[in-house]
Amino acid sequence: MNKIFIVPEPKRLEFKGRWFEFKGFENFPEFLSQEFKVPKGNLRIKKIEKEGNGIEIKENEILIWGDENVAYATLIQLLTQNPNKLPEAIIEEEFSFKFRGYHLDIARGGVPHLKEFKRILRWLFLLKYNYFAIYFEDLFPWEKYPEIGALRGRLTREELKEIISYAQKLNIEVFPSLELCGHMENILVLPNFMKFSEWHRPEEGCIDLSNEEAKNFTYDLLEEVINFFPSKYIHIGGDETWALGRGRSLDKDGVFKGPELFEMHHRNLIYKVKEKGKIPMVWGDMLTGMYLREEEKERWKIVLESDIWDETIIANWDYTHLPQEHFLNKINMFGKRKEREIACPGLSNWNRFYPNFDVALANITNFLIPAKKEKLIGFLLTSWGDDGAECLYSFLDPLILATMEIAEGNKDWEEKWISLRGESREILEVRKTLGQNDIAETIKHVFLGDQMYRHATELLKDRERKPTGDFWADYYLEMTNLLSNKEKLKKKYEEVFETISQANLPEDLALIRDMLKISIDRINGRLKFSEFASFGNKYAELWLSERKKENLEKVITKVYGAGGRADLEIY
């Protein structure tokens, strides 16, 4: 073994060509030794004063300087690749982003078990992330409102304390990501809180900010979270509140006041966070009128012009796979506020059983390269659970590694994944193949035979569809085009299946291979209920190995529903 792989690629890596036998450390931190199974021995680690971060590995001594947690993570990476030897080397590490975070949505899918939270945190530590955000919606354990989240597997206070404590030992700050304006549907559908809904249909999720009692309710929610979390950051949400000002608040005097209500409410939330000595964070989309029509963007300009955002960290999210120039412009929309801005790319795992590697890697690369150029303080990689968080957490690990390598290294992440995970090139190629746009974007719709698939194959068929110039309209148009050409799709699926059919895959990837086979059977018109039953049982087993049982029904009813339709020969 003549090559050393470290994530992210160090600023300086001088390998002197020799390997020393490793029999254990004399003074490696006890917690890290236990969690990463690092053996005890007589090799001593010595902390020295020196600029930057680094380690020097000698035959009888290891010198470390700077952030010792970075040094320990690097040593664990080396031992993961070769448990019996350490290289004679000098490694110097430097980071462009002081904030390196991962944001996990637990609200729309299953809540991870404690052991899964800890597995994720260990992976983040190993890759040198230093922040972890938990997206709660209704799943924080509020004592004042115990009915919130009670039937959806919410975390207990004891579980959350253990997660925070475990992360602290890994030098990772866990902070809350809340929703206190939009995305509150799982709270507003509860009988006691329906009266706070902006719309008469609370499933829409927006709160009525013209209602004083409703506003005070959100302040109660925020205060409990602030008092519980030791973190310096508190994410107060604020994204996708397009319905604000269009329901009950509009009924009161017939005047649309969405932007004014948004600014006033978030000003109050920001003050409450700062009063407790903490740093507020807010999503950036409503500040710029993202995804609003041009005439509505003009109306929302007053929000961006407010001085209150000078008091926050702006989490600027964008999940498109557009060129770097788009993201450069997006970053600079906030002007001088980019000094308090973090870039938030996404894993493209939502609304899918398997992440779209093509889109995710393009998004991450084209967002983080300009973010580094513009000297943003950090990034927050986002994983979302729209439509039930069908995508298993295990599928995200390669992309979490790739993100750190793209952000802080040389972007060549594949060999590092193979080396750190002990996985063959063949298996990685399967991961990438299943993550191709043609597969990842279509397989769910074909497998389930859902409305999008039926619309494309039964109604549109070969009808010509021209691009519109609107990114998202054309994105879904492309998906429709992929689905509507059954013969072309069948050929693609069969080629991929043939390529991966003999591979010895881990259980989770084998499940997606099964999904591909069932999808081919659907196109060929020979479905069996037993296929869906077998798939559903395997999927449930893997889900329950990661997550609590609550919310599994969101996914499993779709699977068995598709099987039932197949059995009845409905479609």
Protein backbone atom coordinates (compact mmCIF):
# COMPACT_ATOMS: atom_id res chain seq x y z
CA MET A 1 0.00 0.00 0.00
CA ASN A 2 1.78 3.11 -1.25
CA LYS A 3 -1.01 5.64 -1.25
CA ILE A 4 -2.59 7.45 1.68
CA PHE A 5 -6.22 8.58 1.47
CA ILE A 6 -7.46 11.31 3.79
CA VAL A 7 -10.80 13.16 3.74
CA PRO A 8 -10.67 15.97 2.96
CA GLU A 9 -7.45 16.08 0.92
CA PRO A 10 -4.86 17.77 3.17
CA LYS A 11 -3.13 21.01 2.34
CA ARG A 12 0.16 19.11 2.64
CA LEU A 13 0.70 15.36 2.64
CA GLU A 14 4.31 14.20 2.73
CA PHE A 15 4.57 10.40 2.81
CA LYS A 16 8.14 9.28 3.41
CA GLY A 17 7.67 5.78 2.04
CA ARG A 18 7.90 3.81 5.28
CA TRP A 19 5.19 2.04 7.29
CA PHE A 20 5.44 1.42 11.01
CA GLU A 21 3.82 -1.49 12.78
CA PHE A 22 0.94 -0.24 14.94
CA LYS A 23 0.12 -1.94 18.26
CA GLY A 24 -2.00 0.71 19.93
CA PHE A 25 -1.90 4.17 21.48
CA GLU A 26 -0.83 4.98 25.00
CA ASN A 27 -2.91 8.15 25.35
CA PHE A 28 -5.63 8.23 22.69
CA PRO A 29 -8.86 9.80 24.06
CA GLU A 30 -10.83 7.12 25.91
CA PHE A 31 -14.18 7.96 24.32
CA LEU A 32 -12.79 7.85 20.78
CA SER A 33 -10.93 4.63 21.53
CA GLN A 34 -14.14 3.02 22.66
CA GLU A 35 -16.39 4.27 19.84
CA PHE A 36 -13.93 3.64 17.00
CA LYS A 37 -12.33 0.53 18.52
CA VAL A 38 -8.83 2.00 18.61
CA PRO A 39 -6.51 -0.37 20.53
CA LYS A 40 -4.36 0.61 23.49
CA GLY A 41 -0.58 0.23 23.35
CA ASN A 42 2.62 2.20 23.86
CA LEU A 43 2.62 4.68 20.95
CA ARG A 44 2.41 8.14 22.46
CA ILE A 45 0.69 11.22 21.00
CA LYS A 46 2.25 14.56 21.90
CA LYS A 47 0.50 17.93 21.46
CA ILE A 48 2.84 20.71 20.32
CA GLU A 49 2.39 24.42 19.60
CA LYS A 50 2.44 25.13 15.90
CA GLU A 51 0.37 27.12 13.41
CA GLY A 52 -2.50 25.40 11.60
CA ASN A 53 -3.68 21.81 12.05
CA GLY A 54 -1.54 18.77 11.51
CA ILE A 55 0.17 15.58 12.57
CA GLU A 56 3.64 14.13 12.14
CA ILE A 57 3.86 10.35 12.42
CA LYS A 58 7.20 9.01 13.62
CA GLU A 59 8.21 5.50 14.55
CA ASN A 60 7.85 5.97 18.30
CA GLU A 61 5.85 9.16 18.60
CA ILE A 62 3.08 11.14 16.93
CA LEU A 63 3.08 14.94 17.10
CA ILE A 64 -0.19 16.79 16.67
CA TRP A 65 -0.97 20.51 16.58
CA GLY A 66 -3.98 22.77 16.11
CA ASP A 67 -7.43 21.20 16.35
CA GLU A 68 -6.74 17.86 18.02
CA ASN A 69 -10.12 16.46 16.96
CA VAL A 70 -9.13 16.89 13.32
CA ALA A 71 -5.88 15.07 14.09
CA TYR A 72 -7.70 12.21 15.84
CA ALA A 73 -10.14 11.88 12.94
CA THR A 74 -7.24 11.66 10.49
CA LEU A 75 -5.52 8.99 12.59
CA ILE A 76 -8.75 6.98 12.75
CA GLN A 77 -9.11 7.30 8.98
CA LEU A 78 -5.60 5.90 8.53
CA LEU A 79 -6.28 3.00 10.91
CA THR A 80 -9.60 2.28 9.22
CA GLN A 81 -7.67 1.69 6.00
CA ASN A 82 -4.87 -0.29 7.61
CA PRO A 83 -5.44 -1.36 11.25
CA ASN A 84 -1.90 -2.72 11.69
CA LYS A 85 0.29 -0.02 10.21
CA LEU A 86 0.78 3.75 10.22
CA PRO A 87 2.71 5.68 7.56
CA GLU A 88 5.71 7.83 8.27
CA ALA A 89 4.20 11.12 7.18
CA ILE A 90 3.61 14.80 7.77
CA ILE A 91 0.00 15.88 7.24
CA GLU A 92 -1.11 19.49 7.39
CA GLU A 93 -4.82 20.33 7.15
CA GLU A 94 -6.60 23.59 6.45
CA PHE A 95 -10.31 24.39 6.10
CA SER A 96 -11.95 27.08 4.02
CA PHE A 97 -15.24 26.74 5.90
CA LYS A 98 -15.30 27.09 9.67
CA PHE A 99 -18.94 25.92 9.71
CA ARG A 100 -19.23 22.41 8.20
CA GLY A 101 -22.70 21.07 8.88
CA TYR A 102 -25.21 18.34 8.11
CA HIS A 103 -28.97 18.90 8.42
CA LEU A 104 -31.24 15.86 8.90
CA ASP A 105 -35.02 15.97 8.51
CA ILE A 106 -36.61 13.56 11.00
CA ALA A 107 -40.11 15.04 10.68
CA ARG A 108 -41.40 13.66 7.38
CA GLY A 109 -40.12 10.10 7.71
CA GLY A 110 -39.03 7.91 10.57
CA VAL A 111 -37.20 9.15 13.65
CA PRO A 112 -33.78 7.47 13.86
CA HIS A 113 -33.00 5.14 16.74
CA LEU A 114 -30.35 6.39 19.14
CA LYS A 115 -27.86 3.92 17.67
CA GLU A 116 -28.52 5.36 14.18
CA PHE A 117 -28.03 8.93 15.40
CA LYS A 118 -24.73 7.82 16.92
CA ARG A 119 -23.68 6.03 13.72
CA ILE A 120 -24.37 9.21 11.73
CA LEU A 121 -22.46 11.34 14.25
CA ARG A 122 -19.44 9.02 14.12
CA TRP A 123 -19.43 9.29 10.32
CA LEU A 124 -19.63 13.09 10.54
CA PHE A 125 -16.76 13.21 13.03
CA LEU A 126 -14.59 10.96 10.88
CA LEU A 127 -15.17 13.26 7.89
CA LYS A 128 -14.54 16.41 9.99
CA TYR A 129 -18.00 17.95 10.06
CA ASN A 130 -18.52 20.07 13.17
CA TYR A 131 -22.28 20.86 13.17
CA PHE A 132 -25.38 18.68 13.07
CA ALA A 133 -28.89 20.14 12.77
CA ILE A 134 -32.01 18.14 13.62
CA TYR A 135 -35.10 19.27 11.74
CA PHE A 136 -38.01 18.75 14.13
CA GLU A 137 -41.29 20.33 12.96
CA ASP A 138 -43.51 18.65 15.63
CA LEU A 139 -41.03 16.11 17.00
CA PHE A 140 -39.29 18.09 19.75
CA PRO A 141 -40.48 16.96 23.22
CA TRP A 142 -42.36 20.09 24.34
CA GLU A 143 -43.45 19.78 27.97
CA LYS A 144 -46.06 22.54 27.76
CA TYR A 145 -47.76 20.83 24.79
CA PRO A 146 -47.32 17.08 25.34
CA GLU A 147 -49.83 16.12 22.62
CA ILE A 148 -47.59 17.53 19.87
CA GLY A 149 -45.81 14.69 18.11
CA ALA A 150 -47.05 12.13 20.64
CA LEU A 151 -48.18 9.64 17.99
CA ARG A 152 -45.34 10.23 15.56
CA GLY A 153 -42.34 8.83 17.43
CA ARG A 154 -40.98 12.14 18.71
CA LEU A 155 -37.68 12.12 20.55
CA THR A 156 -37.85 12.01 24.33
CA ARG A 157 -35.90 14.54 26.36
CA GLU A 158 -33.63 11.75 27.55
CA GLU A 159 -32.91 10.63 23.97
CA LEU A 160 -32.18 14.15 22.84
CA LYS A 161 -29.87 14.82 25.78
CA GLU A 162 -27.95 11.64 24.96
CA ILE A 163 -27.61 12.67 21.29
CA ILE A 164 -26.33 16.13 22.27
CA SER A 165 -23.92 14.70 24.84
CA TYR A 166 -22.60 12.06 22.43
CA ALA A 167 -22.02 14.70 19.76
CA GLN A 168 -20.25 17.02 22.20
CA LYS A 169 -17.73 14.26 22.87
CA LEU A 170 -17.10 14.20 19.12
CA ASN A 171 -16.72 18.00 19.03
CA ILE A 172 -19.94 18.32 17.01
CA GLU A 173 -22.53 20.92 18.00
CA VAL A 174 -26.11 19.70 17.67
CA PHE A 175 -28.57 22.51 17.10
CA PRO A 176 -32.33 22.60 16.49
CA SER A 177 -33.96 23.40 13.17
CA LEU A 178 -37.52 24.57 13.76
CA GLU A 179 -40.57 25.70 11.80
CA LEU A 180 -42.51 28.53 13.43
CA CYS A 181 -44.39 30.01 10.49
CA GLY A 182 -44.83 27.47 7.67
CA HIS A 183 -44.44 23.68 7.58
CA MET A 184 -46.46 23.42 10.81
CA GLU A 185 -49.12 21.07 9.44
CA ASN A 186 -48.40 18.21 11.85
CA ILE A 187 -49.13 20.61 14.71
CA LEU A 188 -51.99 22.55 13.14
CA VAL A 189 -54.00 19.42 12.29
CA LEU A 190 -54.30 18.63 16.01
CA PRO A 191 -57.70 19.72 17.41
CA ASN A 192 -56.29 22.14 20.00
CA PHE A 193 -54.26 24.05 17.40
CA MET A 194 -56.47 24.11 14.30
CA LYS A 195 -57.65 27.59 15.28
CA PHE A 196 -54.12 28.89 14.67
CA SER A 197 -54.04 27.86 11.01
CA GLU A 198 -53.85 30.58 8.34
CA TRP A 199 -55.96 28.45 6.04
CA HIS A 200 -59.17 26.71 7.03
CA ARG A 201 -57.45 23.52 5.84
CA PRO A 202 -54.61 23.20 8.38
CA GLU A 203 -52.77 20.59 6.29
CA GLU A 204 -51.41 23.54 4.31
CA GLY A 205 -49.18 24.22 7.33
CA CYS A 206 -49.01 28.01 7.63
CA ILE A 207 -49.85 29.76 10.90
CA ASP A 208 -52.12 32.81 11.12
CA LEU A 209 -49.80 35.63 12.20
CA SER A 210 -52.64 38.12 12.51
CA ASN A 211 -53.79 36.07 15.53
CA GLU A 212 -52.02 37.16 18.75
CA GLU A 213 -52.72 33.84 20.45
CA ALA A 214 -51.16 31.99 17.51
CA LYS A 215 -48.04 34.15 17.64
CA ASN A 216 -47.66 33.64 21.38
CA PHE A 217 -48.02 29.91 20.80
CA THR A 218 -44.96 29.96 18.48
CA TYR A 219 -43.04 31.99 21.06
CA ASP A 220 -43.81 29.28 23.65
CA LEU A 221 -42.49 26.61 21.28
CA LEU A 222 -39.32 28.58 20.63
CA GLU A 223 -38.64 29.40 24.27
CA GLU A 224 -38.72 25.76 25.36
CA VAL A 225 -36.30 24.76 22.62
CA ILE A 226 -33.91 27.63 23.40
CA ASN A 227 -33.88 26.71 27.08
CA PHE A 228 -33.29 23.04 26.34
CA PHE A 229 -30.46 23.25 23.79
CA PRO A 230 -26.94 24.21 24.89
CA SER A 231 -26.06 25.09 21.26
CA LYS A 232 -25.11 28.61 20.22
CA TYR A 233 -27.21 28.32 17.03
CA ILE A 234 -31.01 28.17 16.88
CA HIS A 235 -32.54 27.72 13.41
CA ILE A 236 -35.98 29.38 13.40
CA GLY A 237 -37.01 28.18 9.90
CA GLY A 238 -38.98 30.60 7.74
CA ASP A 239 -38.97 28.76 4.41
CA GLU A 240 -41.75 28.29 1.85
CA THR A 241 -44.38 30.40 3.60
CA TRP A 242 -46.15 31.23 0.34
CA ALA A 243 -49.62 30.92 1.89
CA LEU A 244 -48.91 33.52 4.57
CA GLY A 245 -51.35 36.42 4.41
CA ARG A 246 -53.73 34.66 2.02
CA GLY A 247 -56.21 33.07 4.44
CA ARG A 248 -57.69 34.17 7.75
CA SER A 249 -55.37 37.16 7.98
CA LEU A 250 -56.61 38.29 4.56
CA ASP A 251 -60.24 37.77 5.61
CA LYS A 252 -59.91 40.34 8.41
CA ASP A 253 -59.60 43.46 6.28
CA GLY A 254 -59.20 42.23 2.72
CA VAL A 255 -55.60 43.46 2.45
CA PHE A 256 -52.70 41.11 1.67
CA LYS A 257 -50.00 41.60 4.32
CA GLY A 258 -47.89 38.46 3.87
CA PRO A 259 -44.46 40.17 3.63
CA GLU A 260 -45.18 42.51 6.55
CA LEU A 261 -46.42 39.65 8.74
CA PHE A 262 -43.36 37.57 7.83
CA GLU A 263 -40.88 40.33 8.67
CA MET A 264 -42.61 41.27 11.93
CA HIS A 265 -42.87 37.67 13.13
CA HIS A 266 -39.28 36.76 12.36
CA ARG A 267 -38.04 40.01 13.87
CA ASN A 268 -39.69 38.94 17.14
CA LEU A 269 -38.30 35.39 16.90
CA ILE A 270 -34.81 36.73 16.21
CA TYR A 271 -34.96 39.05 19.22
CA LYS A 272 -36.06 36.19 21.46
CA VAL A 273 -33.12 34.04 20.34
CA LYS A 274 -30.64 36.89 20.81
CA GLU A 275 -32.03 37.75 24.25
CA LYS A 276 -30.84 34.29 25.35
CA GLY A 277 -27.33 34.97 24.04
CA LYS A 278 -27.70 32.68 21.03
CA ILE A 279 -27.32 33.12 17.28
CA PRO A 280 -30.48 32.89 15.14
CA MET A 281 -30.46 31.23 11.73
CA VAL A 282 -33.14 31.57 9.06
CA TRP A 283 -33.76 30.06 5.61
CA GLY A 284 -33.12 32.56 2.83
CA ASP A 285 -35.76 31.74 0.23
CA MET A 286 -38.54 34.10 1.34
CA LEU A 287 -36.07 36.94 1.72
CA THR A 288 -35.41 36.82 -2.02
CA GLY A 289 -38.87 35.79 -3.23
CA MET A 290 -37.52 32.43 -4.41
CA TYR A 291 -40.04 30.59 -6.62
CA LEU A 292 -42.50 33.49 -6.54
CA ARG A 293 -43.91 35.07 -9.69
CA GLU A 294 -42.18 38.29 -10.75
CA GLU A 295 -45.03 40.53 -9.60
CA GLU A 296 -45.02 38.81 -6.20
CA LYS A 297 -41.25 39.14 -5.89
CA GLU A 298 -41.66 42.90 -6.06
CA ARG A 299 -44.11 42.74 -3.16
CA TRP A 300 -41.66 40.74 -1.07
CA LYS A 301 -38.71 43.10 -1.64
CA ILE A 302 -39.58 44.89 1.60
CA VAL A 303 -38.60 41.72 3.45
CA LEU A 304 -35.10 41.57 1.96
CA GLU A 305 -34.61 45.28 2.66
CA SER A 306 -35.32 44.88 6.39
CA ASP A 307 -32.30 45.37 8.64
CA ILE A 308 -33.32 42.47 10.91
CA TRP A 309 -31.47 39.95 8.73
CA ASP A 310 -28.22 41.62 9.72
CA GLU A 311 -28.79 39.92 13.08
CA THR A 312 -29.01 36.36 11.69
CA ILE A 313 -27.15 33.66 9.85
CA ILE A 314 -28.85 33.26 6.47
CA ALA A 315 -29.11 29.63 5.32
CA ASN A 316 -29.19 30.03 1.55
CA TRP A 317 -30.64 26.86 0.03
CA ASP A 318 -30.89 25.88 -3.62
CA TYR A 319 -31.12 22.28 -4.86
CA THR A 320 -30.89 22.83 -8.60
CA HIS A 321 -28.10 21.43 -10.77
CA LEU A 322 -27.58 24.69 -12.65
CA PRO A 323 -24.11 26.05 -13.55
CA GLN A 324 -21.81 27.76 -11.04
CA GLU A 325 -22.73 31.20 -12.36
CA HIS A 326 -26.30 30.68 -11.11
CA PHE A 327 -25.05 29.95 -7.60
CA LEU A 328 -22.58 32.83 -7.66
CA ASN A 329 -25.48 35.18 -8.38
CA LYS A 330 -27.59 33.45 -5.72
CA ILE A 331 -24.90 33.91 -3.08
CA ASN A 332 -24.53 37.60 -3.90
CA MET A 333 -28.27 38.35 -3.72
CA PHE A 334 -27.77 39.10 -0.02
CA GLY A 335 -25.09 41.74 -0.65
CA LYS A 336 -22.84 42.42 2.34
CA ARG A 337 -24.87 39.93 4.34
CA LYS A 338 -22.92 37.11 2.67
CA GLU A 339 -20.51 37.60 5.58
CA ARG A 340 -23.24 35.86 7.62
CA GLU A 341 -24.41 33.43 4.96
CA ILE A 342 -23.99 29.67 4.68
CA ALA A 343 -24.52 27.66 1.50
CA CYS A 344 -27.07 24.85 1.75
CA PRO A 345 -26.88 22.25 -1.03
CA GLY A 346 -29.00 19.08 -0.91
CA LEU A 347 -28.65 15.33 -1.26
CA SER A 348 -31.60 14.92 -3.70
CA ASN A 349 -32.90 12.06 -1.57
CA TRP A 350 -36.43 13.41 -1.00
CA ASN A 351 -39.40 12.02 -2.94
CA ARG A 352 -37.15 9.13 -3.95
CA PHE A 353 -36.29 5.65 -2.73
CA TYR A 354 -32.70 6.25 -3.79
CA PRO A 355 -30.76 9.53 -4.09
CA ASN A 356 -30.13 11.10 -7.46
CA PHE A 357 -26.31 11.12 -7.49
CA ASP A 358 -26.15 13.06 -10.76
CA VAL A 359 -28.23 15.97 -9.48
CA ALA A 360 -26.84 15.92 -5.93
CA LEU A 361 -23.18 15.97 -6.98
CA ALA A 362 -23.78 18.71 -9.56
CA ASN A 363 -25.68 20.77 -7.00
CA ILE A 364 -23.08 20.30 -4.26
CA THR A 365 -20.15 21.04 -6.59
CA ASN A 366 -21.67 24.04 -8.36
CA PHE A 367 -22.84 25.58 -5.08
CA LEU A 368 -19.80 25.01 -2.87
CA ILE A 369 -17.11 26.09 -5.33
CA PRO A 370 -18.59 29.62 -5.60
CA ALA A 371 -19.27 29.57 -1.84
CA LYS A 372 -15.57 29.01 -1.25
CA LYS A 373 -14.64 31.67 -3.80
CA GLU A 374 -16.95 34.17 -2.09
CA LYS A 375 -15.52 33.23 1.32
CA LEU A 376 -18.80 32.19 2.94
CA ILE A 377 -18.40 31.08 6.55
CA GLY A 378 -19.71 27.60 5.91
CA PHE A 379 -22.09 25.10 4.42
CA LEU A 380 -25.02 23.04 5.70
CA LEU A 381 -25.65 19.89 3.67
CA THR A 382 -29.37 19.11 3.75
CA SER A 383 -31.21 15.79 3.74
CA TRP A 384 -35.00 16.05 3.45
CA GLY A 385 -37.81 13.55 3.95
CA ASP A 386 -40.62 14.76 1.71
CA ASP A 387 -43.12 12.01 0.90
CA GLY A 388 -42.19 9.85 3.88
CA ALA A 389 -38.37 9.80 3.75
CA GLU A 390 -38.44 6.63 1.63
CA CYS A 391 -34.69 6.85 1.04
CA LEU A 392 -32.77 4.87 3.66
CA TYR A 393 -30.13 6.79 5.60
CA SER A 394 -27.48 4.25 4.63
CA PHE A 395 -27.72 5.39 1.00
CA LEU A 396 -26.56 8.90 1.94
CA ASP A 397 -23.15 8.05 3.39
CA PRO A 398 -21.18 8.26 0.09
CA LEU A 399 -22.66 11.68 -0.68
CA ILE A 400 -21.88 12.98 2.81
CA LEU A 401 -18.25 12.00 2.21
CA ALA A 402 -18.27 13.43 -1.31
CA THR A 403 -19.57 16.76 0.00
CA MET A 404 -16.68 17.20 2.42
CA GLU A 405 -14.17 16.28 -0.27
CA ILE A 406 -15.76 18.72 -2.74
CA ALA A 407 -15.94 21.47 -0.12
CA GLU A 408 -12.48 21.16 1.38
CA GLY A 409 -10.44 18.72 -0.70
CA ASN A 410 -9.65 17.95 -4.32
CA LYS A 411 -13.13 16.64 -5.27
CA ASP A 412 -11.82 13.11 -5.98
CA TRP A 413 -14.00 11.29 -3.47
CA GLU A 414 -14.49 7.83 -4.99
CA GLU A 415 -11.17 6.18 -4.06
CA LYS A 416 -11.51 7.65 -0.58
CA TRP A 417 -14.96 6.09 -0.15
CA ILE A 418 -13.61 2.70 -1.28
CA SER A 419 -10.64 2.98 1.05
CA LEU A 420 -12.53 4.17 4.13
CA ARG A 421 -15.46 1.79 3.75
CA GLY A 422 -13.53 -1.22 2.49
CA GLU A 423 -15.97 -1.46 -0.40
CA SER A 424 -15.10 -2.76 -3.85
CA ARG A 425 -15.07 -0.56 -6.94
CA GLU A 426 -17.81 -2.82 -8.33
CA ILE A 427 -20.20 -1.95 -5.49
CA LEU A 428 -19.47 1.77 -5.76
CA GLU A 429 -20.23 1.60 -9.48
CA VAL A 430 -23.59 0.02 -8.62
CA ARG A 431 -24.28 2.90 -6.21
CA LYS A 432 -23.48 5.44 -8.91
CA THR A 433 -25.44 3.56 -11.58
CA LEU A 434 -28.58 3.43 -9.47
CA GLY A 435 -28.07 7.12 -8.75
CA GLN A 436 -28.09 8.08 -12.44
CA ASN A 437 -30.77 10.60 -13.29
CA ASP A 438 -32.67 8.22 -15.61
CA ILE A 439 -32.96 5.63 -12.82
CA ALA A 440 -33.23 7.63 -9.59
CA GLU A 441 -35.87 10.03 -10.97
CA THR A 442 -38.14 7.42 -12.54
CA ILE A 443 -37.91 4.19 -10.59
CA LYS A 444 -40.29 5.17 -7.79
CA HIS A 445 -43.02 6.15 -10.24
CA VAL A 446 -42.67 3.00 -12.34
CA PHE A 447 -42.42 0.72 -9.32
CA LEU A 448 -45.56 2.15 -7.71
CA GLY A 449 -47.41 2.72 -10.97
CA ASP A 450 -48.42 6.08 -9.56
CA GLN A 451 -50.36 8.91 -11.15
CA MET A 452 -47.28 10.47 -12.73
CA TYR A 453 -46.37 7.18 -14.40
CA ARG A 454 -49.91 6.56 -15.62
CA HIS A 455 -50.28 10.11 -16.87
CA ALA A 456 -47.02 9.84 -18.84
CA THR A 457 -47.63 6.38 -20.28
CA GLU A 458 -51.40 6.39 -20.84
CA LEU A 459 -52.22 9.99 -21.73
CA LEU A 460 -49.10 11.71 -23.01
CA LYS A 461 -47.31 8.78 -24.65
CA ASP A 462 -45.41 10.10 -27.68
CA ARG A 463 -46.91 13.59 -27.67
CA GLU A 464 -44.26 16.25 -28.33
CA ARG A 465 -43.44 18.39 -25.31
CA LYS A 466 -41.20 21.44 -25.71
CA PRO A 467 -39.12 23.11 -22.99
CA THR A 468 -40.74 26.12 -21.34
CA GLY A 469 -37.64 27.96 -20.09
CA ASP A 470 -38.75 27.57 -16.47
CA PHE A 471 -36.27 25.39 -14.59
CA TRP A 472 -38.71 23.39 -12.47
CA ALA A 473 -41.34 23.08 -15.18
CA ASP A 474 -38.68 21.71 -17.53
CA TYR A 475 -37.31 19.45 -14.81
CA TYR A 476 -40.69 17.72 -14.46
CA LEU A 477 -41.12 17.80 -18.22
CA GLU A 478 -37.87 15.86 -18.56
CA MET A 479 -39.13 13.31 -16.02
CA THR A 480 -42.39 12.96 -17.95
CA ASN A 481 -40.43 12.44 -21.16
CA LEU A 482 -38.37 9.72 -19.52
CA LEU A 483 -41.47 7.95 -18.24
CA SER A 484 -43.56 8.26 -21.37
CA ASN A 485 -41.16 6.36 -23.62
CA LYS A 486 -41.70 2.90 -22.17
CA GLU A 487 -39.50 1.07 -24.66
CA LYS A 488 -36.55 3.35 -24.09
CA LEU A 489 -37.04 3.17 -20.32
CA LYS A 490 -37.36 -0.61 -20.43
CA LYS A 491 -34.12 -0.86 -22.40
CA LYS A 492 -32.31 1.34 -19.88
CA TYR A 493 -33.66 -0.61 -16.90
CA GLU A 494 -32.78 -3.96 -18.44
CA GLU A 495 -29.25 -2.84 -19.29
CA VAL A 496 -28.69 -1.67 -15.71
CA PHE A 497 -30.26 -4.79 -14.24
CA GLU A 498 -28.07 -7.00 -16.39
CA THR A 499 -25.00 -5.09 -15.23
CA ILE A 500 -25.77 -5.43 -11.52
CA SER A 501 -27.69 -8.72 -11.40
CA GLN A 502 -24.71 -10.87 -10.37
CA ALA A 503 -23.10 -8.41 -7.98
CA ASN A 504 -22.90 -9.43 -4.32
CA LEU A 505 -24.69 -6.37 -2.94
CA PRO A 506 -25.31 -5.23 0.63
CA GLU A 507 -28.94 -5.61 1.72
CA ASP A 508 -29.96 -2.03 1.06
CA LEU A 509 -28.61 -1.95 -2.51
CA ALA A 510 -30.07 -5.40 -3.19
CA LEU A 511 -33.45 -3.92 -2.26
CA ILE A 512 -33.14 -1.27 -4.99
CA ARG A 513 -32.12 -3.99 -7.43
CA ASP A 514 -35.36 -5.80 -6.51
CA MET A 515 -37.24 -2.56 -7.12
CA LEU A 516 -35.67 -2.30 -10.55
CA LYS A 517 -36.74 -5.87 -11.39
CA ILE A 518 -40.34 -5.17 -10.32
CA SER A 519 -40.31 -1.98 -12.40
CA ILE A 520 -39.23 -3.98 -15.47
CA ASP A 521 -42.07 -6.42 -14.77
CA ARG A 522 -44.53 -3.53 -14.65
CA ILE A 523 -43.40 -2.24 -18.03
CA ASN A 524 -43.73 -5.79 -19.37
CA GLY A 525 -47.21 -6.13 -17.84
CA ARG A 526 -46.55 -9.15 -15.62
CA LEU A 527 -46.75 -7.98 -12.01
CA LYS A 528 -47.34 -10.23 -8.99
CA PHE A 529 -48.53 -9.23 -5.53
CA SER A 530 -45.92 -11.56 -4.03
CA GLU A 531 -43.14 -9.36 -5.45
CA PHE A 532 -44.45 -6.31 -3.62
CA ALA A 533 -45.05 -8.30 -0.43
CA SER A 534 -41.48 -9.55 -0.44
CA PHE A 535 -40.14 -6.09 -1.18
CA GLY A 536 -42.31 -4.53 1.55
CA ASN A 537 -41.07 -7.00 4.15
CA LYS A 538 -37.42 -6.39 3.28
CA TYR A 539 -37.93 -2.64 3.20
CA ALA A 540 -39.66 -2.63 6.59
CA GLU A 541 -36.82 -4.67 8.10
CA LEU A 542 -34.22 -2.17 6.86
CA TRP A 543 -36.32 0.83 7.94
CA LEU A 544 -36.76 -0.59 11.44
CA SER A 545 -33.02 -1.22 11.70
CA GLU A 546 -32.54 2.55 11.34
CA ARG A 547 -35.72 4.15 12.69
CA LYS A 548 -38.64 3.94 15.04
CA LYS A 549 -41.77 2.22 13.76
CA GLU A 550 -43.87 5.39 13.61
CA ASN A 551 -44.39 6.78 10.10
CA LEU A 552 -43.33 3.54 8.39
CA GLU A 553 -46.96 3.22 7.33
CA LYS A 554 -46.53 6.22 5.00
CA VAL A 555 -44.22 4.20 2.81
CA ILE A 556 -45.42 0.67 3.35
CA THR A 557 -49.04 1.46 2.44
CA LYS A 558 -47.83 2.76 -0.93
CA VAL A 559 -45.89 -0.46 -1.53
CA TYR A 560 -48.71 -2.80 -0.54
CA GLY A 561 -51.23 -0.58 -2.31
CA ALA A 562 -49.26 -1.03 -5.53
CA GLY A 563 -49.20 -4.77 -4.88
CA GLY A 564 -52.94 -4.86 -4.30
CA ARG A 565 -53.62 -3.04 -7.56
CA ALA A 566 -51.34 -5.48 -9.35
CA ASP A 567 -53.17 -8.44 -7.81
CA LEU A 568 -56.54 -7.02 -8.88
CA GLU A 569 -55.12 -6.16 -12.30
CA ILE A 570 -56.32 -2.57 -11.90
CA TYR A 571 -53.01 -1.09 -13.07
